[in-house]
Amino acid sequence: MSAAQGQSFAGPEVGVRTAQASLLRRPVLAMPGPDEAAARQRKIRDADELLLRKHF
């Protein structure tokens, strides 16, 4: 078994881990403002309402 085979076996999980690591590093550079936080909350609330409407 070569190293390349081991690499391809764990491919997607490694990609997810590196994406999470970059997300954890990002807030240090740019903290979201209050308006961005409000927009995010609104987006989440709208998505929740859509899900509730779809299922009930």
PDB file of N, CA and C in Angstrom:
ATOM      1  N   MET A   1       0.854  -1.198   0.000  1.00  0.00           N
ATOM      2  CA  MET A   1       0.000   0.000   0.000  1.00  0.00           C
ATOM      3  C   MET A   1       0.889   1.247   0.000  1.00  0.00           C
ATOM      4  N   SER A   2       0.606   2.176  -0.898  1.00  0.00           N
ATOM      5  CA  SER A   2       1.440   3.372  -0.973  1.00  0.00           C
ATOM      6  C   SER A   2       0.821   4.520  -0.182  1.00  0.00           C
ATOM      7  N   ALA A   3       1.571   5.575  -0.019  1.00  0.00           N
ATOM      8  CA  ALA A   3       1.074   6.740   0.729  1.00  0.00           C
ATOM      9  C   ALA A   3      -0.057   7.415  -0.036  1.00  0.00           C
ATOM     10  N   ALA A   4       0.002   7.368  -1.365  1.00  0.00           N
ATOM     11  CA  ALA A   4      -1.026   8.020  -2.185  1.00  0.00           C
ATOM     12  C   ALA A   4      -2.380   7.358  -1.957  1.00  0.00           C
ATOM     13  N   GLN A   5      -2.398   6.029  -1.787  1.00  0.00           N
ATOM     14  CA  GLN A   5      -3.673   5.339  -1.553  1.00  0.00           C
ATOM     15  C   GLN A   5      -4.276   5.771  -0.224  1.00  0.00           C
ATOM     16  N   GLY A   6      -3.466   5.883   0.809  1.00  0.00           N
ATOM     17  CA  GLY A   6      -3.963   6.327   2.109  1.00  0.00           C
ATOM     18  C   GLY A   6      -4.497   7.739   2.022  1.00  0.00           C
ATOM     19  N   GLN A   7      -3.836   8.584   1.252  1.00  0.00           N
ATOM     20  CA  GLN A   7      -4.264   9.974   1.094  1.00  0.00           C
ATOM     21  C   GLN A   7      -5.645  10.035   0.443  1.00  0.00           C
ATOM     22  N   SER A   8      -5.848   9.277  -0.635  1.00  0.00           N
ATOM     23  CA  SER A   8      -7.119   9.349  -1.350  1.00  0.00           C
ATOM     24  C   SER A   8      -8.253   8.760  -0.512  1.00  0.00           C
ATOM     25  N   PHE A   9      -7.921   7.830   0.376  1.00  0.00           N
ATOM     26  CA  PHE A   9      -8.955   7.223   1.215  1.00  0.00           C
ATOM     27  C   PHE A   9      -9.552   8.246   2.176  1.00  0.00           C
ATOM     28  N   ALA A  10      -8.707   9.142   2.716  1.00  0.00           N
ATOM     29  CA  ALA A  10      -9.166  10.116   3.708  1.00  0.00           C
ATOM     30  C   ALA A  10      -9.378  11.489   3.076  1.00  0.00           C
ATOM     31  N   GLY A  11      -9.555  11.561   1.769  1.00  0.00           N
ATOM     32  CA  GLY A  11      -9.636  12.837   1.059  1.00  0.00           C
ATOM     33  C   GLY A  11     -10.677  13.808   1.568  1.00  0.00           C
ATOM     34  N   PRO A  12     -11.971  13.469   1.485  1.00  0.00           N
ATOM     35  CA  PRO A  12     -13.010  14.447   1.825  1.00  0.00           C
ATOM     36  C   PRO A  12     -12.936  14.938   3.271  1.00  0.00           C
ATOM     37  N   GLU A  13     -12.638  14.037   4.207  1.00  0.00           N
ATOM     38  CA  GLU A  13     -12.576  14.438   5.611  1.00  0.00           C
ATOM     39  C   GLU A  13     -11.457  15.442   5.839  1.00  0.00           C
ATOM     40  N   VAL A  14     -10.323  15.245   5.160  1.00  0.00           N
ATOM     41  CA  VAL A  14      -9.207  16.182   5.301  1.00  0.00           C
ATOM     42  C   VAL A  14      -9.639  17.548   4.781  1.00  0.00           C
ATOM     43  N   GLY A  15     -10.372  17.574   3.663  1.00  0.00           N
ATOM     44  CA  GLY A  15     -10.847  18.839   3.123  1.00  0.00           C
ATOM     45  C   GLY A  15     -11.773  19.559   4.087  1.00  0.00           C
ATOM     46  N   VAL A  16     -12.655  18.803   4.732  1.00  0.00           N
ATOM     47  CA  VAL A  16     -13.575  19.405   5.703  1.00  0.00           C
ATOM     48  C   VAL A  16     -12.791  19.974   6.870  1.00  0.00           C
ATOM     49  N   ARG A  17     -11.800  19.232   7.335  1.00  0.00           N
ATOM     50  CA  ARG A  17     -11.013  19.710   8.475  1.00  0.00           C
ATOM     51  C   ARG A  17     -10.284  21.010   8.142  1.00  0.00           C
ATOM     52  N   THR A  18      -9.690  21.088   6.947  1.00  0.00           N
ATOM     53  CA  THR A  18      -8.960  22.308   6.599  1.00  0.00           C
ATOM     54  C   THR A  18      -9.930  23.473   6.440  1.00  0.00           C
ATOM     55  N   ALA A  19     -11.142  23.222   5.922  1.00  0.00           N
ATOM     56  CA  ALA A  19     -12.136  24.287   5.792  1.00  0.00           C
ATOM     57  C   ALA A  19     -12.542  24.794   7.168  1.00  0.00           C
ATOM     58  N   GLN A  20     -12.746  23.881   8.126  1.00  0.00           N
ATOM     59  CA  GLN A  20     -13.115  24.293   9.482  1.00  0.00           C
ATOM     60  C   GLN A  20     -11.981  25.093  10.119  1.00  0.00           C
ATOM     61  N   ALA A  21     -10.755  24.688   9.888  1.00  0.00           N
ATOM     62  CA  ALA A  21      -9.621  25.394  10.469  1.00  0.00           C
ATOM     63  C   ALA A  21      -9.547  26.810   9.917  1.00  0.00           C
ATOM     64  N   SER A  22      -9.779  26.980   8.612  1.00  0.00           N
ATOM     65  CA  SER A  22      -9.720  28.318   8.032  1.00  0.00           C
ATOM     66  C   SER A  22     -10.873  29.169   8.554  1.00  0.00           C
ATOM     67  N   LEU A  23     -12.041  28.553   8.789  1.00  0.00           N
ATOM     68  CA  LEU A  23     -13.168  29.302   9.350  1.00  0.00           C
ATOM     69  C   LEU A  23     -12.852  29.769  10.771  1.00  0.00           C
ATOM     70  N   LEU A  24     -12.135  28.917  11.532  1.00  0.00           N
ATOM     71  CA  LEU A  24     -11.796  29.289  12.899  1.00  0.00           C
ATOM     72  C   LEU A  24     -10.775  30.431  12.905  1.00  0.00           C
ATOM     73  N   ARG A  25      -9.901  30.477  11.900  1.00  0.00           N
ATOM     74  CA  ARG A  25      -8.891  31.530  11.851  1.00  0.00           C
ATOM     75  C   ARG A  25      -9.468  32.854  11.374  1.00  0.00           C
ATOM     76  N   ARG A  26     -10.528  32.808  10.575  1.00  0.00           N
ATOM     77  CA  ARG A  26     -11.022  34.008   9.896  1.00  0.00           C
ATOM     78  C   ARG A  26     -11.541  35.102  10.839  1.00  0.00           C
ATOM     79  N   PRO A  27     -12.328  34.786  11.900  1.00  0.00           N
ATOM     80  CA  PRO A  27     -12.909  35.865  12.720  1.00  0.00           C
ATOM     81  C   PRO A  27     -11.876  36.780  13.358  1.00  0.00           C
ATOM     82  N   VAL A  28     -10.638  36.318  13.532  1.00  0.00           N
ATOM     83  CA  VAL A  28      -9.605  37.170  14.100  1.00  0.00           C
ATOM     84  C   VAL A  28      -9.338  38.351  13.166  1.00  0.00           C
ATOM     85  N   LEU A  29      -9.400  38.116  11.854  1.00  0.00           N
ATOM     86  CA  LEU A  29      -9.102  39.163  10.879  1.00  0.00           C
ATOM     87  C   LEU A  29     -10.259  40.147  10.756  1.00  0.00           C
ATOM     88  N   ALA A  30     -11.493  39.647  10.719  1.00  0.00           N
ATOM     89  CA  ALA A  30     -12.644  40.528  10.510  1.00  0.00           C
ATOM     90  C   ALA A  30     -13.814  40.074  11.372  1.00  0.00           C
ATOM     91  N   MET A  31     -14.066  40.808  12.436  1.00  0.00           N
ATOM     92  CA  MET A  31     -15.215  40.483  13.275  1.00  0.00           C
ATOM     93  C   MET A  31     -16.478  41.018  12.600  1.00  0.00           C
ATOM     94  N   PRO A  32     -17.550  40.221  12.552  1.00  0.00           N
ATOM     95  CA  PRO A  32     -18.779  40.693  11.918  1.00  0.00           C
ATOM     96  C   PRO A  32     -19.406  41.824  12.713  1.00  0.00           C
ATOM     97  N   GLY A  33     -19.901  42.825  11.988  1.00  0.00           N
ATOM     98  CA  GLY A  33     -20.549  43.961  12.647  1.00  0.00           C
ATOM     99  C   GLY A  33     -21.941  43.586  13.120  1.00  0.00           C
ATOM    100  N   PRO A  34     -22.578  44.462  13.895  1.00  0.00           N
ATOM    101  CA  PRO A  34     -23.924  44.172  14.412  1.00  0.00           C
ATOM    102  C   PRO A  34     -24.947  43.981  13.289  1.00  0.00           C
ATOM    103  N   ASP A  35     -24.800  44.736  12.184  1.00  0.00           N
ATOM    104  CA  ASP A  35     -25.747  44.585  11.082  1.00  0.00           C
ATOM    105  C   ASP A  35     -25.575  43.232  10.398  1.00  0.00           C
ATOM    106  N   GLU A  36     -24.326  42.760  10.295  1.00  0.00           N
ATOM    107  CA  GLU A  36     -24.089  41.436   9.708  1.00  0.00           C
ATOM    108  C   GLU A  36     -24.703  40.350  10.583  1.00  0.00           C
ATOM    109  N   ALA A  37     -24.550  40.496  11.891  1.00  0.00           N
ATOM    110  CA  ALA A  37     -25.111  39.502  12.810  1.00  0.00           C
ATOM    111  C   ALA A  37     -26.636  39.485  12.697  1.00  0.00           C
ATOM    112  N   ALA A  38     -27.249  40.676  12.598  1.00  0.00           N
ATOM    113  CA  ALA A  38     -28.708  40.758  12.470  1.00  0.00           C
ATOM    114  C   ALA A  38     -29.164  40.116  11.165  1.00  0.00           C
ATOM    115  N   ALA A  39     -28.417  40.354  10.091  1.00  0.00           N
ATOM    116  CA  ALA A  39     -28.773  39.762   8.801  1.00  0.00           C
ATOM    117  C   ALA A  39     -28.683  38.241   8.873  1.00  0.00           C
ATOM    118  N   ARG A  40     -27.646  37.734   9.566  1.00  0.00           N
ATOM    119  CA  ARG A  40     -27.495  36.286   9.694  1.00  0.00           C
ATOM    120  C   ARG A  40     -28.680  35.707  10.480  1.00  0.00           C
ATOM    121  N   GLN A  41     -29.050  36.370  11.574  1.00  0.00           N
ATOM    122  CA  GLN A  41     -30.187  35.899  12.367  1.00  0.00           C
ATOM    123  C   GLN A  41     -31.465  35.886  11.532  1.00  0.00           C
ATOM    124  N   ARG A  42     -31.664  36.935  10.723  1.00  0.00           N
ATOM    125  CA  ARG A  42     -32.852  37.013   9.881  1.00  0.00           C
ATOM    126  C   ARG A  42     -32.861  35.869   8.881  1.00  0.00           C
ATOM    127  N   LYS A  43     -31.691  35.582   8.311  1.00  0.00           N
ATOM    128  CA  LYS A  43     -31.583  34.494   7.334  1.00  0.00           C
ATOM    129  C   LYS A  43     -31.941  33.158   7.990  1.00  0.00           C
ATOM    130  N   ILE A  44     -31.429  32.945   9.208  1.00  0.00           N
ATOM    131  CA  ILE A  44     -31.710  31.698   9.929  1.00  0.00           C
ATOM    132  C   ILE A  44     -33.203  31.600  10.242  1.00  0.00           C
ATOM    133  N   ARG A  45     -33.801  32.706  10.694  1.00  0.00           N
ATOM    134  CA  ARG A  45     -35.217  32.708  11.032  1.00  0.00           C
ATOM    135  C   ARG A  45     -36.071  32.411   9.798  1.00  0.00           C
ATOM    136  N   ASP A  46     -35.718  33.027   8.653  1.00  0.00           N
ATOM    137  CA  ASP A  46     -36.469  32.776   7.417  1.00  0.00           C
ATOM    138  C   ASP A  46     -36.376  31.309   7.020  1.00  0.00           C
ATOM    139  N   ALA A  47     -35.186  30.731   7.146  1.00  0.00           N
ATOM    140  CA  ALA A  47     -35.000  29.318   6.792  1.00  0.00           C
ATOM    141  C   ALA A  47     -35.829  28.430   7.710  1.00  0.00           C
ATOM    142  N   ASP A  48     -35.861  28.762   9.002  1.00  0.00           N
ATOM    143  CA  ASP A  48     -36.669  27.983   9.951  1.00  0.00           C
ATOM    144  C   ASP A  48     -38.149  28.053   9.585  1.00  0.00           C
ATOM    145  N   GLU A  49     -38.631  29.252   9.240  1.00  0.00           N
ATOM    146  CA  GLU A  49     -40.038  29.400   8.870  1.00  0.00           C
ATOM    147  C   GLU A  49     -40.357  28.581   7.626  1.00  0.00           C
ATOM    148  N   LEU A  50     -39.449  28.601   6.643  1.00  0.00           N
ATOM    149  CA  LEU A  50     -39.667  27.813   5.426  1.00  0.00           C
ATOM    150  C   LEU A  50     -39.764  26.333   5.760  1.00  0.00           C
ATOM    151  N   LEU A  51     -38.857  25.858   6.626  1.00  0.00           N
ATOM    152  CA  LEU A  51     -38.890  24.439   7.003  1.00  0.00           C
ATOM    153  C   LEU A  51     -40.195  24.091   7.705  1.00  0.00           C
ATOM    154  N   LEU A  52     -40.628  24.959   8.625  1.00  0.00           N
ATOM    155  CA  LEU A  52     -41.872  24.692   9.350  1.00  0.00           C
ATOM    156  C   LEU A  52     -43.061  24.662   8.391  1.00  0.00           C
ATOM    157  N   ARG A  53     -43.094  25.625   7.457  1.00  0.00           N
ATOM    158  CA  ARG A  53     -44.193  25.663   6.493  1.00  0.00           C
ATOM    159  C   ARG A  53     -44.203  24.400   5.633  1.00  0.00           C
ATOM    160  N   LYS A  54     -43.008  23.935   5.282  1.00  0.00           N
ATOM    161  CA  LYS A  54     -42.907  22.767   4.395  1.00  0.00           C
ATOM    162  C   LYS A  54     -43.401  21.506   5.102  1.00  0.00           C
ATOM    163  N   HIS A  55     -43.111  21.366   6.400  1.00  0.00           N
ATOM    164  CA  HIS A  55     -43.378  20.105   7.095  1.00  0.00           C
ATOM    165  C   HIS A  55     -44.721  20.076   7.822  1.00  0.00           C
ATOM    166  N   PHE A  56     -45.300  21.270   8.130  1.00  0.00           N
ATOM    167  CA  PHE A  56     -46.522  21.264   8.941  1.00  0.00           C
ATOM    168  C   PHE A  56     -47.648  21.999   8.243  1.00  0.00           C
TER     169      PHE A  56
END
